[in-house]
N, C-alpha and C. Protein backbone atom coordinates (compact mmCIF):
# COMPACT_ATOMS: atom_id res chain seq x y z
N UNK A 1 72.22 96.31 112.97
CA UNK A 1 73.01 97.25 112.21
C UNK A 1 74.21 97.75 113.01
N UNK A 2 74.12 97.71 114.32
CA UNK A 2 75.25 98.12 115.14
C UNK A 2 76.48 97.29 114.86
N UNK A 3 76.30 95.98 114.65
CA UNK A 3 77.43 95.11 114.36
C UNK A 3 78.16 95.59 113.10
N UNK A 4 77.42 95.92 112.04
CA UNK A 4 78.02 96.39 110.80
C UNK A 4 78.81 97.67 111.03
N UNK A 5 78.28 98.56 111.83
CA UNK A 5 78.96 99.82 112.12
C UNK A 5 80.28 99.56 112.83
N UNK A 6 80.29 98.65 113.77
CA UNK A 6 81.51 98.32 114.50
C UNK A 6 82.54 97.71 113.57
N UNK A 7 82.12 96.82 112.70
CA UNK A 7 83.04 96.18 111.77
C UNK A 7 83.67 97.22 110.84
N UNK A 8 82.87 98.10 110.29
CA UNK A 8 83.40 99.13 109.40
C UNK A 8 84.34 100.07 110.15
N UNK A 9 84.01 100.41 111.36
CA UNK A 9 84.84 101.31 112.15
C UNK A 9 86.20 100.72 112.47
N UNK A 10 86.34 99.41 112.41
CA UNK A 10 87.61 98.78 112.73
C UNK A 10 88.46 98.48 111.49
N UNK A 11 87.97 98.84 110.31
CA UNK A 11 88.76 98.63 109.10
C UNK A 11 90.02 99.49 109.15
N UNK A 12 91.14 98.92 108.71
CA UNK A 12 92.36 99.73 108.68
C UNK A 12 92.27 100.78 107.57
N UNK A 13 92.62 102.00 107.90
CA UNK A 13 92.57 103.10 106.94
C UNK A 13 93.95 103.75 106.89
N UNK A 14 94.42 104.00 105.68
CA UNK A 14 95.70 104.65 105.48
C UNK A 14 95.50 105.85 104.58
N UNK A 15 95.96 107.00 105.02
CA UNK A 15 95.92 108.21 104.18
C UNK A 15 97.05 108.12 103.16
N UNK A 16 96.73 108.43 101.90
CA UNK A 16 97.72 108.36 100.83
C UNK A 16 97.81 109.73 100.18
N UNK A 17 99.02 110.27 100.12
CA UNK A 17 99.24 111.56 99.50
C UNK A 17 99.00 111.45 98.00
N UNK A 18 98.41 112.46 97.40
CA UNK A 18 98.10 112.46 95.97
C UNK A 18 99.34 112.27 95.10
N UNK A 19 100.49 112.65 95.59
CA UNK A 19 101.72 112.48 94.81
C UNK A 19 102.04 111.00 94.56
N UNK A 20 101.55 110.12 95.42
CA UNK A 20 101.80 108.69 95.29
C UNK A 20 101.13 108.13 94.03
N UNK A 21 99.92 108.57 93.73
CA UNK A 21 99.18 108.04 92.59
C UNK A 21 99.06 109.05 91.44
N UNK A 22 99.88 110.07 91.45
CA UNK A 22 99.80 111.15 90.46
C UNK A 22 99.89 110.65 89.02
N UNK A 23 100.66 109.61 88.78
CA UNK A 23 100.79 109.09 87.40
C UNK A 23 99.51 108.45 86.88
N UNK A 24 98.60 108.12 87.76
CA UNK A 24 97.34 107.48 87.35
C UNK A 24 96.20 108.48 87.17
N UNK A 25 96.43 109.73 87.50
CA UNK A 25 95.35 110.72 87.45
C UNK A 25 94.85 110.97 86.03
N UNK A 26 95.75 111.07 85.05
CA UNK A 26 95.29 111.34 83.68
C UNK A 26 94.43 110.20 83.15
N UNK A 27 94.81 108.96 83.46
CA UNK A 27 94.00 107.80 83.03
C UNK A 27 92.65 107.82 83.73
N UNK A 28 92.64 108.12 85.00
CA UNK A 28 91.38 108.20 85.76
C UNK A 28 90.50 109.32 85.20
N UNK A 29 91.10 110.45 84.87
CA UNK A 29 90.34 111.57 84.31
C UNK A 29 89.70 111.16 82.97
N UNK A 30 90.46 110.42 82.17
CA UNK A 30 89.94 109.95 80.88
C UNK A 30 88.74 109.01 81.08
N UNK A 31 88.84 108.16 82.10
CA UNK A 31 87.79 107.15 82.33
C UNK A 31 86.53 107.70 83.00
N UNK A 32 86.67 108.67 83.90
CA UNK A 32 85.51 109.07 84.69
C UNK A 32 85.30 110.58 84.77
N UNK A 33 86.24 111.35 84.24
CA UNK A 33 86.20 112.80 84.38
C UNK A 33 84.93 113.47 83.88
N UNK A 34 84.41 113.03 82.75
CA UNK A 34 83.18 113.63 82.23
C UNK A 34 81.96 113.24 83.05
N UNK A 35 81.97 112.02 83.50
CA UNK A 35 80.81 111.51 84.25
C UNK A 35 80.76 112.11 85.65
N UNK A 36 81.89 112.13 86.35
CA UNK A 36 81.94 112.71 87.70
C UNK A 36 83.37 113.08 88.07
N UNK A 37 83.75 114.33 87.83
CA UNK A 37 85.13 114.74 88.13
C UNK A 37 85.51 114.61 89.60
N UNK A 38 84.54 114.55 90.49
CA UNK A 38 84.84 114.38 91.91
C UNK A 38 85.42 113.00 92.23
N UNK A 39 85.29 112.05 91.31
CA UNK A 39 85.77 110.69 91.55
C UNK A 39 87.12 110.39 90.90
N UNK A 40 87.73 111.38 90.28
CA UNK A 40 89.00 111.15 89.60
C UNK A 40 90.07 110.63 90.56
N UNK A 41 90.22 111.26 91.71
CA UNK A 41 91.26 110.83 92.66
C UNK A 41 91.00 109.43 93.20
N UNK A 42 89.75 109.11 93.46
CA UNK A 42 89.43 107.76 93.97
C UNK A 42 89.79 106.71 92.92
N UNK A 43 89.41 106.98 91.67
CA UNK A 43 89.73 106.03 90.60
C UNK A 43 91.23 105.95 90.38
N UNK A 44 91.92 107.08 90.40
CA UNK A 44 93.38 107.08 90.23
C UNK A 44 94.06 106.25 91.31
N UNK A 45 93.60 106.37 92.53
CA UNK A 45 94.15 105.59 93.64
C UNK A 45 93.93 104.09 93.39
N UNK A 46 92.73 103.73 92.98
CA UNK A 46 92.43 102.31 92.70
C UNK A 46 93.28 101.79 91.54
N UNK A 47 93.43 102.60 90.49
CA UNK A 47 94.26 102.19 89.35
C UNK A 47 95.71 102.01 89.76
N UNK A 48 96.22 102.94 90.53
CA UNK A 48 97.62 102.89 90.96
C UNK A 48 97.93 101.62 91.75
N UNK A 49 97.07 101.28 92.68
CA UNK A 49 97.31 100.12 93.54
C UNK A 49 96.69 98.83 93.00
N UNK A 50 95.92 98.92 91.91
CA UNK A 50 95.28 97.73 91.36
C UNK A 50 94.24 97.14 92.29
N UNK A 51 93.50 98.01 92.95
CA UNK A 51 92.51 97.58 93.94
C UNK A 51 91.09 97.87 93.45
N UNK A 52 90.12 97.08 93.93
CA UNK A 52 88.72 97.37 93.59
C UNK A 52 88.21 98.57 94.37
N UNK A 53 87.07 99.07 93.95
CA UNK A 53 86.43 100.21 94.61
C UNK A 53 85.17 99.73 95.30
N UNK A 54 84.95 100.21 96.50
CA UNK A 54 83.72 99.95 97.25
C UNK A 54 82.94 101.25 97.29
N UNK A 55 81.85 101.28 96.56
CA UNK A 55 81.02 102.49 96.49
C UNK A 55 79.62 102.12 96.01
N UNK A 56 78.64 102.83 96.48
CA UNK A 56 77.28 102.65 95.99
C UNK A 56 76.98 103.60 94.84
N UNK A 57 77.97 104.31 94.38
CA UNK A 57 77.80 105.28 93.29
C UNK A 57 77.99 104.58 91.95
N UNK A 58 76.99 104.65 91.11
CA UNK A 58 77.04 103.97 89.81
C UNK A 58 78.04 104.59 88.83
N UNK A 59 78.65 105.70 89.18
CA UNK A 59 79.64 106.30 88.29
C UNK A 59 80.82 105.37 88.02
N UNK A 60 81.08 104.46 88.91
CA UNK A 60 82.21 103.54 88.74
C UNK A 60 81.87 102.34 87.86
N UNK A 61 80.61 102.19 87.52
CA UNK A 61 80.15 101.04 86.74
C UNK A 61 80.91 100.89 85.42
N UNK A 62 81.18 101.97 84.75
CA UNK A 62 81.84 101.92 83.44
C UNK A 62 83.29 102.41 83.51
N UNK A 63 83.88 102.42 84.69
CA UNK A 63 85.23 102.96 84.85
C UNK A 63 86.33 101.95 84.53
N UNK A 64 85.95 100.71 84.30
CA UNK A 64 86.94 99.70 83.94
C UNK A 64 87.76 99.17 85.11
N UNK A 65 87.20 99.22 86.31
CA UNK A 65 87.84 98.64 87.48
C UNK A 65 86.83 97.74 88.19
N UNK A 66 87.35 96.86 88.99
CA UNK A 66 86.46 96.03 89.80
C UNK A 66 85.76 96.95 90.80
N UNK A 67 84.45 96.83 90.89
CA UNK A 67 83.64 97.76 91.68
C UNK A 67 82.59 96.97 92.44
N UNK A 68 82.49 97.24 93.73
CA UNK A 68 81.52 96.55 94.58
C UNK A 68 80.63 97.57 95.29
N UNK A 69 79.35 97.27 95.31
CA UNK A 69 78.43 98.04 96.15
C UNK A 69 78.44 97.39 97.54
N UNK A 70 77.84 98.03 98.50
CA UNK A 70 77.73 97.44 99.82
C UNK A 70 76.93 96.14 99.76
N UNK A 71 75.88 96.13 98.97
CA UNK A 71 75.08 94.91 98.82
C UNK A 71 75.92 93.77 98.25
N UNK A 72 76.78 94.07 97.27
CA UNK A 72 77.67 93.04 96.70
C UNK A 72 78.59 92.48 97.76
N UNK A 73 79.19 93.36 98.54
CA UNK A 73 80.12 92.91 99.58
C UNK A 73 79.42 92.05 100.63
N UNK A 74 78.25 92.51 101.06
CA UNK A 74 77.51 91.73 102.05
C UNK A 74 77.13 90.36 101.50
N UNK A 75 76.76 90.30 100.23
CA UNK A 75 76.40 89.02 99.62
C UNK A 75 77.61 88.07 99.59
N UNK A 76 78.80 88.60 99.36
CA UNK A 76 80.00 87.78 99.35
C UNK A 76 80.43 87.34 100.75
N UNK A 77 80.08 88.13 101.74
CA UNK A 77 80.49 87.82 103.11
C UNK A 77 79.56 86.87 103.83
N UNK A 78 78.34 86.77 103.35
CA UNK A 78 77.37 85.87 104.01
C UNK A 78 77.73 84.43 103.72
N UNK A 79 77.62 83.58 104.75
CA UNK A 79 77.93 82.15 104.55
C UNK A 79 76.89 81.46 103.70
C-alpha cells in the first residue's frame, strides 16, 4: 500500500479559483444539489473542464459525468 500512497502523493495538483468555473455552478447545482450540495463545486469544476471525477462517493453516479471509483481506476491501471 505504500507504493499507492507514493504514487498519489506525486500527482500534479492545481488549485482553481471558483470564478474560473462559475458558469458551470448552476448546471452542477441542478444535477447534484438535492442529492449532496457539498459536491456542487466539484461537479461544476468537472463540467467546466470536461473531465471525469475520481471519487468513491456514489452521489456522482447519476450526475451525468464520467465517474471513476478507486477500484475502477486500479482495474484500468493493472496490466
